[in-house]
């Protein structure tokens, strides 16, 4: 809801409740971090839009700044093995 006096978005308590959302893709993480770093959006607003805690976004920012955007891309943690035991 937009506050007509201040022309700012105002969130009601019900809107701030974080529901369970599927994992955020690496591309979405990079986009959110870059918007924040460019000053285009606030950390709290991005957290609400993505359905995550602000601390998650702070961690993404730290990762982005220390190892770059590739550090935010989703990587499978499951290792696949062939029938001969070679890691694929």
PDB file of N, CA and C in Angstrom:
ATOM      1  N   UNK A   1       0.839  -1.161   0.000  1.00  0.00           N
ATOM      2  CA  UNK A   1       0.000   0.000   0.000  1.00  0.00           C
ATOM      3  C   UNK A   1       0.887   1.227   0.000  1.00  0.00           C
ATOM      4  N   UNK A   2       0.538   2.257  -0.767  1.00  0.00           N
ATOM      5  CA  UNK A   2       1.334   3.478  -0.846  1.00  0.00           C
ATOM      6  C   UNK A   2       0.710   4.530   0.055  1.00  0.00           C
ATOM      7  N   UNK A   3       1.517   5.123   0.930  1.00  0.00           N
ATOM      8  CA  UNK A   3       1.086   6.202   1.802  1.00  0.00           C
ATOM      9  C   UNK A   3       1.013   7.463   0.959  1.00  0.00           C
ATOM     10  N   UNK A   4      -0.188   8.000   0.772  1.00  0.00           N
ATOM     11  CA  UNK A   4      -0.360   9.142  -0.131  1.00  0.00           C
ATOM     12  C   UNK A   4       0.310  10.405   0.387  1.00  0.00           C
ATOM     13  N   UNK A   5       0.504  10.540   1.691  1.00  0.00           N
ATOM     14  CA  UNK A   5       1.148  11.738   2.228  1.00  0.00           C
ATOM     15  C   UNK A   5       2.644  11.755   1.954  1.00  0.00           C
ATOM     16  N   UNK A   6       3.287  10.610   2.115  1.00  0.00           N
ATOM     17  CA  UNK A   6       4.742  10.539   1.947  1.00  0.00           C
ATOM     18  C   UNK A   6       5.160   9.873   0.654  1.00  0.00           C
ATOM     19  N   UNK A   7       4.199   9.348  -0.094  1.00  0.00           N
ATOM     20  CA  UNK A   7       4.476   8.647  -1.345  1.00  0.00           C
ATOM     21  C   UNK A   7       5.471   7.512  -1.143  1.00  0.00           C
ATOM     22  N   UNK A   8       5.338   6.797  -0.025  1.00  0.00           N
ATOM     23  CA  UNK A   8       6.200   5.669   0.278  1.00  0.00           C
ATOM     24  C   UNK A   8       5.340   4.432   0.464  1.00  0.00           C
ATOM     25  N   UNK A   9       5.937   3.286   0.223  1.00  0.00           N
ATOM     26  CA  UNK A   9       5.227   2.034   0.429  1.00  0.00           C
ATOM     27  C   UNK A   9       5.212   1.711   1.914  1.00  0.00           C
ATOM     28  N   UNK A  10       4.023   1.398   2.413  1.00  0.00           N
ATOM     29  CA  UNK A  10       3.849   1.048   3.812  1.00  0.00           C
ATOM     30  C   UNK A  10       3.378  -0.398   3.871  1.00  0.00           C
ATOM     31  N   UNK A  11       4.017  -1.194   4.720  1.00  0.00           N
ATOM     32  CA  UNK A  11       3.650  -2.595   4.850  1.00  0.00           C
ATOM     33  C   UNK A  11       2.930  -2.819   6.170  1.00  0.00           C
ATOM     34  N   UNK A  12       1.865  -3.566   6.108  1.00  0.00           N
ATOM     35  CA  UNK A  12       1.149  -3.949   7.316  1.00  0.00           C
ATOM     36  C   UNK A  12       1.790  -5.202   7.878  1.00  0.00           C
ATOM     37  N   UNK A  13       1.587  -5.416   9.172  1.00  0.00           N
ATOM     38  CA  UNK A  13       2.201  -6.556   9.850  1.00  0.00           C
ATOM     39  C   UNK A  13       1.937  -7.873   9.127  1.00  0.00           C
ATOM     40  N   UNK A  14       0.717  -8.041   8.597  1.00  0.00           N
ATOM     41  CA  UNK A  14       0.374  -9.285   7.912  1.00  0.00           C
ATOM     42  C   UNK A  14       1.229  -9.498   6.668  1.00  0.00           C
ATOM     43  N   UNK A  15       1.622  -8.413   6.014  1.00  0.00           N
ATOM     44  CA  UNK A  15       2.404  -8.521   4.786  1.00  0.00           C
ATOM     45  C   UNK A  15       3.855  -8.905   5.068  1.00  0.00           C
ATOM     46  N   UNK A  16       4.309  -8.687   6.290  1.00  0.00           N
ATOM     47  CA  UNK A  16       5.699  -8.967   6.619  1.00  0.00           C
ATOM     48  C   UNK A  16       5.925 -10.420   7.013  1.00  0.00           C
ATOM     49  N   UNK A  17       4.854 -11.182   7.191  1.00  0.00           N
ATOM     50  CA  UNK A  17       4.988 -12.586   7.552  1.00  0.00           C
ATOM     51  C   UNK A  17       5.637 -13.332   6.399  1.00  0.00           C
ATOM     52  N   UNK A  18       6.672 -14.061   6.696  1.00  0.00           N
ATOM     53  CA  UNK A  18       7.396 -14.788   5.655  1.00  0.00           C
ATOM     54  C   UNK A  18       6.805 -16.175   5.483  1.00  0.00           C
ATOM     55  N   UNK A  19       6.223 -16.401   4.344  1.00  0.00           N
ATOM     56  CA  UNK A  19       5.719 -17.738   4.069  1.00  0.00           C
ATOM     57  C   UNK A  19       6.836 -18.555   3.438  1.00  0.00           C
ATOM     58  N   UNK A  20       6.654 -19.870   3.453  1.00  0.00           N
ATOM     59  CA  UNK A  20       7.663 -20.740   2.852  1.00  0.00           C
ATOM     60  C   UNK A  20       7.683 -20.525   1.349  1.00  0.00           C
ATOM     61  N   UNK A  21       8.829 -20.301   0.799  1.00  0.00           N
ATOM     62  CA  UNK A  21       8.979 -20.125  -0.636  1.00  0.00           C
ATOM     63  C   UNK A  21      10.091 -21.043  -1.099  1.00  0.00           C
ATOM     64  N   UNK A  22       9.967 -21.497  -2.329  1.00  0.00           N
ATOM     65  CA  UNK A  22      11.022 -22.355  -2.858  1.00  0.00           C
ATOM     66  C   UNK A  22      12.335 -21.590  -2.898  1.00  0.00           C
ATOM     67  N   UNK A  23      13.399 -22.317  -3.060  1.00  0.00           N
ATOM     68  CA  UNK A  23      14.718 -21.702  -3.094  1.00  0.00           C
ATOM     69  C   UNK A  23      14.790 -20.599  -4.141  1.00  0.00           C
ATOM     70  N   UNK A  24      15.546 -19.578  -3.823  1.00  0.00           N
ATOM     71  CA  UNK A  24      15.750 -18.456  -4.722  1.00  0.00           C
ATOM     72  C   UNK A  24      16.872 -18.837  -5.682  1.00  0.00           C
ATOM     73  N   UNK A  25      16.639 -18.641  -6.967  1.00  0.00           N
ATOM     74  CA  UNK A  25      17.654 -19.012  -7.953  1.00  0.00           C
ATOM     75  C   UNK A  25      18.878 -18.103  -7.833  1.00  0.00           C
ATOM     76  N   UNK A  26      19.977 -18.575  -8.331  1.00  0.00           N
ATOM     77  CA  UNK A  26      21.206 -17.789  -8.327  1.00  0.00           C
ATOM     78  C   UNK A  26      21.047 -16.483  -9.074  1.00  0.00           C
ATOM     79  N   UNK A  27      20.331 -16.511 -10.177  1.00  0.00           N
ATOM     80  CA  UNK A  27      20.113 -15.301 -10.978  1.00  0.00           C
ATOM     81  C   UNK A  27      19.308 -14.284 -10.174  1.00  0.00           C
ATOM     82  N   UNK A  28      18.287 -14.755  -9.433  1.00  0.00           N
ATOM     83  CA  UNK A  28      17.498 -13.848  -8.596  1.00  0.00           C
ATOM     84  C   UNK A  28      18.349 -13.261  -7.479  1.00  0.00           C
ATOM     85  N   UNK A  29      19.225 -14.069  -6.902  1.00  0.00           N
ATOM     86  CA  UNK A  29      20.106 -13.579  -5.841  1.00  0.00           C
ATOM     87  C   UNK A  29      21.025 -12.485  -6.363  1.00  0.00           C
ATOM     88  N   UNK A  30      21.642 -12.742  -7.515  1.00  0.00           N
ATOM     89  CA  UNK A  30      22.552 -11.760  -8.111  1.00  0.00           C
ATOM     90  C   UNK A  30      21.807 -10.472  -8.418  1.00  0.00           C
ATOM     91  N   UNK A  31      20.620 -10.582  -8.995  1.00  0.00           N
ATOM     92  CA  UNK A  31      19.825  -9.410  -9.336  1.00  0.00           C
ATOM     93  C   UNK A  31      19.491  -8.596  -8.087  1.00  0.00           C
ATOM     94  N   UNK A  32      19.086  -9.267  -7.010  1.00  0.00           N
ATOM     95  CA  UNK A  32      18.739  -8.578  -5.772  1.00  0.00           C
ATOM     96  C   UNK A  32      19.953  -7.858  -5.183  1.00  0.00           C
ATOM     97  N   UNK A  33      21.079  -8.544  -5.140  1.00  0.00           N
ATOM     98  CA  UNK A  33      22.299  -7.946  -4.592  1.00  0.00           C
ATOM     99  C   UNK A  33      22.715  -6.734  -5.413  1.00  0.00           C
ATOM    100  N   UNK A  34      22.683  -6.858  -6.723  1.00  0.00           N
ATOM    101  CA  UNK A  34      23.092  -5.745  -7.577  1.00  0.00           C
ATOM    102  C   UNK A  34      22.145  -4.553  -7.445  1.00  0.00           C
ATOM    103  N   UNK A  35      20.843  -4.799  -7.316  1.00  0.00           N
ATOM    104  CA  UNK A  35      19.887  -3.702  -7.081  1.00  0.00           C
ATOM    105  C   UNK A  35      20.214  -2.991  -5.772  1.00  0.00           C
ATOM    106  N   UNK A  36      20.512  -3.779  -4.742  1.00  0.00           N
ATOM    107  CA  UNK A  36      20.845  -3.195  -3.452  1.00  0.00           C
ATOM    108  C   UNK A  36      22.131  -2.378  -3.540  1.00  0.00           C
ATOM    109  N   UNK A  37      23.164  -2.935  -4.152  1.00  0.00           N
ATOM    110  CA  UNK A  37      24.448  -2.250  -4.243  1.00  0.00           C
ATOM    111  C   UNK A  37      24.382  -0.983  -5.088  1.00  0.00           C
ATOM    112  N   UNK A  38      23.481  -0.953  -6.067  1.00  0.00           N
ATOM    113  CA  UNK A  38      23.283   0.258  -6.885  1.00  0.00           C
ATOM    114  C   UNK A  38      22.388   1.276  -6.186  1.00  0.00           C
ATOM    115  N   UNK A  39      21.829   0.901  -5.050  1.00  0.00           N
ATOM    116  CA  UNK A  39      20.952   1.804  -4.316  1.00  0.00           C
ATOM    117  C   UNK A  39      19.550   1.898  -4.885  1.00  0.00           C
ATOM    118  N   UNK A  40      19.157   0.908  -5.675  1.00  0.00           N
ATOM    119  CA  UNK A  40      17.845   0.933  -6.311  1.00  0.00           C
ATOM    120  C   UNK A  40      16.740   0.377  -5.422  1.00  0.00           C
ATOM    121  N   UNK A  41      17.093  -0.368  -4.382  1.00  0.00           N
ATOM    122  CA  UNK A  41      16.092  -0.956  -3.500  1.00  0.00           C
ATOM    123  C   UNK A  41      16.726  -1.188  -2.141  1.00  0.00           C
ATOM    124  N   UNK A  42      15.887  -1.230  -1.117  1.00  0.00           N
ATOM    125  CA  UNK A  42      16.395  -1.452   0.236  1.00  0.00           C
ATOM    126  C   UNK A  42      16.501  -2.943   0.524  1.00  0.00           C
ATOM    127  N   UNK A  43      17.333  -3.254   1.484  1.00  0.00           N
ATOM    128  CA  UNK A  43      17.528  -4.638   1.884  1.00  0.00           C
ATOM    129  C   UNK A  43      16.213  -5.235   2.400  1.00  0.00           C
ATOM    130  N   UNK A  44      15.505  -4.494   3.237  1.00  0.00           N
ATOM    131  CA  UNK A  44      14.256  -5.001   3.795  1.00  0.00           C
ATOM    132  C   UNK A  44      13.192  -5.201   2.724  1.00  0.00           C
ATOM    133  N   UNK A  45      13.093  -4.285   1.772  1.00  0.00           N
ATOM    134  CA  UNK A  45      12.090  -4.429   0.714  1.00  0.00           C
ATOM    135  C   UNK A  45      12.410  -5.628  -0.171  1.00  0.00           C
ATOM    136  N   UNK A  46      13.670  -5.813  -0.506  1.00  0.00           N
ATOM    137  CA  UNK A  46      14.064  -6.978  -1.312  1.00  0.00           C
ATOM    138  C   UNK A  46      13.755  -8.270  -0.563  1.00  0.00           C
ATOM    139  N   UNK A  47      13.993  -8.278   0.743  1.00  0.00           N
ATOM    140  CA  UNK A  47      13.708  -9.478   1.543  1.00  0.00           C
ATOM    141  C   UNK A  47      12.217  -9.803   1.499  1.00  0.00           C
ATOM    142  N   UNK A  48      11.381  -8.791   1.597  1.00  0.00           N
ATOM    143  CA  UNK A  48       9.935  -9.000   1.537  1.00  0.00           C
ATOM    144  C   UNK A  48       9.529  -9.530   0.171  1.00  0.00           C
ATOM    145  N   UNK A  49      10.061  -8.923  -0.877  1.00  0.00           N
ATOM    146  CA  UNK A  49       9.714  -9.355  -2.240  1.00  0.00           C
ATOM    147  C   UNK A  49      10.105 -10.806  -2.495  1.00  0.00           C
ATOM    148  N   UNK A  50      11.254 -11.208  -1.968  1.00  0.00           N
ATOM    149  CA  UNK A  50      11.762 -12.559  -2.218  1.00  0.00           C
ATOM    150  C   UNK A  50      11.287 -13.579  -1.182  1.00  0.00           C
ATOM    151  N   UNK A  51      10.675 -13.102  -0.111  1.00  0.00           N
ATOM    152  CA  UNK A  51      10.201 -14.020   0.919  1.00  0.00           C
ATOM    153  C   UNK A  51      11.314 -14.633   1.739  1.00  0.00           C
ATOM    154  N   UNK A  52      12.380 -13.854   1.965  1.00  0.00           N
ATOM    155  CA  UNK A  52      13.508 -14.335   2.768  1.00  0.00           C
ATOM    156  C   UNK A  52      13.782 -13.333   3.882  1.00  0.00           C
ATOM    157  N   UNK A  53      14.620 -13.708   4.813  1.00  0.00           N
ATOM    158  CA  UNK A  53      15.016 -12.797   5.881  1.00  0.00           C
ATOM    159  C   UNK A  53      16.099 -11.846   5.363  1.00  0.00           C
ATOM    160  N   UNK A  54      16.136 -10.615   5.878  1.00  0.00           N
ATOM    161  CA  UNK A  54      17.204  -9.683   5.483  1.00  0.00           C
ATOM    162  C   UNK A  54      18.601 -10.260   5.712  1.00  0.00           C
ATOM    163  N   UNK A  55      18.754 -11.087   6.732  1.00  0.00           N
ATOM    164  CA  UNK A  55      20.069 -11.689   6.995  1.00  0.00           C
ATOM    165  C   UNK A  55      20.527 -12.575   5.833  1.00  0.00           C
ATOM    166  N   UNK A  56      19.562 -13.193   5.125  1.00  0.00           N
ATOM    167  CA  UNK A  56      19.923 -13.989   3.944  1.00  0.00           C
ATOM    168  C   UNK A  56      20.549 -13.090   2.888  1.00  0.00           C
ATOM    169  N   UNK A  57      19.938 -11.939   2.676  1.00  0.00           N
ATOM    170  CA  UNK A  57      20.447 -11.025   1.650  1.00  0.00           C
ATOM    171  C   UNK A  57      21.796 -10.460   2.072  1.00  0.00           C
ATOM    172  N   UNK A  58      21.970 -10.181   3.362  1.00  0.00           N
ATOM    173  CA  UNK A  58      23.283  -9.712   3.830  1.00  0.00           C
ATOM    174  C   UNK A  58      24.362 -10.746   3.534  1.00  0.00           C
ATOM    175  N   UNK A  59      24.027 -12.023   3.714  1.00  0.00           N
ATOM    176  CA  UNK A  59      24.984 -13.096   3.417  1.00  0.00           C
ATOM    177  C   UNK A  59      25.288 -13.136   1.923  1.00  0.00           C
ATOM    178  N   UNK A  60      24.258 -12.962   1.086  1.00  0.00           N
ATOM    179  CA  UNK A  60      24.465 -12.941  -0.362  1.00  0.00           C
ATOM    180  C   UNK A  60      25.392 -11.794  -0.748  1.00  0.00           C
ATOM    181  N   UNK A  61      25.203 -10.626  -0.114  1.00  0.00           N
ATOM    182  CA  UNK A  61      26.043  -9.453  -0.408  1.00  0.00           C
ATOM    183  C   UNK A  61      27.487  -9.752  -0.037  1.00  0.00           C
ATOM    184  N   UNK A  62      27.690 -10.358   1.121  1.00  0.00           N
ATOM    185  CA  UNK A  62      29.046 -10.705   1.557  1.00  0.00           C
ATOM    186  C   UNK A  62      29.693 -11.681   0.573  1.00  0.00           C
ATOM    187  N   UNK A  63      28.944 -12.679   0.152  1.00  0.00           N
ATOM    188  CA  UNK A  63      29.458 -13.652  -0.809  1.00  0.00           C
ATOM    189  C   UNK A  63      29.780 -12.968  -2.129  1.00  0.00           C
ATOM    190  N   UNK A  64      28.872 -12.135  -2.608  1.00  0.00           N
ATOM    191  CA  UNK A  64      29.051 -11.413  -3.877  1.00  0.00           C
ATOM    192  C   UNK A  64      30.318 -10.564  -3.828  1.00  0.00           C
ATOM    193  N   UNK A  65      30.517  -9.865  -2.715  1.00  0.00           N
ATOM    194  CA  UNK A  65      31.675  -8.973  -2.613  1.00  0.00           C
ATOM    195  C   UNK A  65      32.982  -9.729  -2.415  1.00  0.00           C
ATOM    196  N   UNK A  66      32.932 -10.904  -1.817  1.00  0.00           N
ATOM    197  CA  UNK A  66      34.178 -11.624  -1.575  1.00  0.00           C
ATOM    198  C   UNK A  66      34.594 -12.529  -2.734  1.00  0.00           C
ATOM    199  N   UNK A  67      33.630 -13.215  -3.374  1.00  0.00           N
ATOM    200  CA  UNK A  67      34.028 -14.115  -4.456  1.00  0.00           C
ATOM    201  C   UNK A  67      33.326 -13.852  -5.784  1.00  0.00           C
ATOM    202  N   UNK A  68      32.474 -12.827  -5.814  1.00  0.00           N
ATOM    203  CA  UNK A  68      31.842 -12.445  -7.069  1.00  0.00           C
ATOM    204  C   UNK A  68      30.482 -13.088  -7.280  1.00  0.00           C
ATOM    205  N   UNK A  69      29.811 -12.699  -8.365  1.00  0.00           N
ATOM    206  CA  UNK A  69      28.461 -13.185  -8.626  1.00  0.00           C
ATOM    207  C   UNK A  69      28.364 -14.695  -8.808  1.00  0.00           C
ATOM    208  N   UNK A  70      29.417 -15.324  -9.308  1.00  0.00           N
ATOM    209  CA  UNK A  70      29.376 -16.781  -9.490  1.00  0.00           C
ATOM    210  C   UNK A  70      29.197 -17.511  -8.163  1.00  0.00           C
ATOM    211  N   UNK A  71      29.574 -16.880  -7.070  1.00  0.00           N
ATOM    212  CA  UNK A  71      29.406 -17.485  -5.759  1.00  0.00           C
ATOM    213  C   UNK A  71      27.951 -17.611  -5.339  1.00  0.00           C
ATOM    214  N   UNK A  72      27.055 -16.899  -6.041  1.00  0.00           N
ATOM    215  CA  UNK A  72      25.632 -16.957  -5.720  1.00  0.00           C
ATOM    216  C   UNK A  72      24.858 -17.919  -6.605  1.00  0.00           C
ATOM    217  N   UNK A  73      25.519 -18.461  -7.584  1.00  0.00           N
ATOM    218  CA  UNK A  73      24.826 -19.403  -8.465  1.00  0.00           C
ATOM    219  C   UNK A  73      24.620 -20.715  -7.733  1.00  0.00           C
ATOM    220  N   UNK A  74      23.460 -21.295  -7.932  1.00  0.00           N
ATOM    221  CA  UNK A  74      23.146 -22.570  -7.270  1.00  0.00           C
ATOM    222  C   UNK A  74      24.034 -23.671  -7.830  1.00  0.00           C
ATOM    223  N   UNK A  75      24.601 -24.430  -6.937  1.00  0.00           N
ATOM    224  CA  UNK A  75      25.458 -25.539  -7.331  1.00  0.00           C
ATOM    225  C   UNK A  75      24.902 -26.792  -6.674  1.00  0.00           C
ATOM    226  N   UNK A  76      24.770 -27.826  -7.439  1.00  0.00           N
ATOM    227  CA  UNK A  76      24.269 -29.081  -6.888  1.00  0.00           C
ATOM    228  C   UNK A  76      25.267 -29.624  -5.885  1.00  0.00           C
ATOM    229  N   UNK A  77      24.772 -30.010  -4.718  1.00  0.00           N
ATOM    230  CA  UNK A  77      25.644 -30.583  -3.702  1.00  0.00           C
ATOM    231  C   UNK A  77      25.638 -32.102  -3.759  1.00  0.00           C
ATOM    232  N   UNK A  78      24.840 -32.646  -4.659  1.00  0.00           N
ATOM    233  CA  UNK A  78      24.787 -34.090  -4.814  1.00  0.00           C
ATOM    234  C   UNK A  78      25.834 -34.521  -5.829  1.00  0.00           C
ATOM    235  N   UNK A  79      26.611 -35.492  -5.473  1.00  0.00           N
ATOM    236  CA  UNK A  79      27.644 -35.996  -6.371  1.00  0.00           C
ATOM    237  C   UNK A  79      27.082 -37.199  -7.108  1.00  0.00           C
ATOM    238  N   UNK A  80      27.249 -37.206  -8.418  1.00  0.00           N
ATOM    239  CA  UNK A  80      26.801 -38.345  -9.218  1.00  0.00           C
ATOM    240  C   UNK A  80      27.991 -39.242  -9.522  1.00  0.00           C
ATOM    241  N   UNK A  81      27.765 -40.532  -9.401  1.00  0.00           N
ATOM    242  CA  UNK A  81      28.807 -41.509  -9.702  1.00  0.00           C
ATOM    243  C   UNK A  81      28.342 -42.391 -10.862  1.00  0.00           C
ATOM    244  N   UNK A  82      29.279 -42.739 -11.723  1.00  0.00           N
ATOM    245  CA  UNK A  82      28.955 -43.685 -12.767  1.00  0.00           C
ATOM    246  C   UNK A  82      29.017 -45.096 -12.162  1.00  0.00           C
ATOM    247  N   UNK A  83      28.630 -46.075 -12.943  1.00  0.00           N
ATOM    248  CA  UNK A  83      28.656 -47.456 -12.447  1.00  0.00           C
ATOM    249  C   UNK A  83      30.089 -47.917 -12.156  1.00  0.00           C
ATOM    250  N   UNK A  84      31.083 -47.266 -12.747  1.00  0.00           N
ATOM    251  CA  UNK A  84      32.481 -47.654 -12.502  1.00  0.00           C
ATOM    252  C   UNK A  84      33.057 -46.919 -11.302  1.00  0.00           C
ATOM    253  N   UNK A  85      32.258 -46.044 -10.677  1.00  0.00           N
ATOM    254  CA  UNK A  85      32.742 -45.333  -9.499  1.00  0.00           C
ATOM    255  C   UNK A  85      33.411 -44.009  -9.812  1.00  0.00           C
ATOM    256  N   UNK A  86      33.394 -43.593 -11.075  1.00  0.00           N
ATOM    257  CA  UNK A  86      33.997 -42.323 -11.457  1.00  0.00           C
ATOM    258  C   UNK A  86      32.997 -41.209 -11.182  1.00  0.00           C
ATOM    259  N   UNK A  87      33.476 -40.139 -10.570  1.00  0.00           N
ATOM    260  CA  UNK A  87      32.599 -38.994 -10.297  1.00  0.00           C
ATOM    261  C   UNK A  87      32.292 -38.294 -11.601  1.00  0.00           C
ATOM    262  N   UNK A  88      31.008 -38.041 -11.825  1.00  0.00           N
ATOM    263  CA  UNK A  88      30.565 -37.365 -13.051  1.00  0.00           C
ATOM    264  C   UNK A  88      30.447 -35.883 -12.810  1.00  0.00           C
TER     265      UNK A  88
END
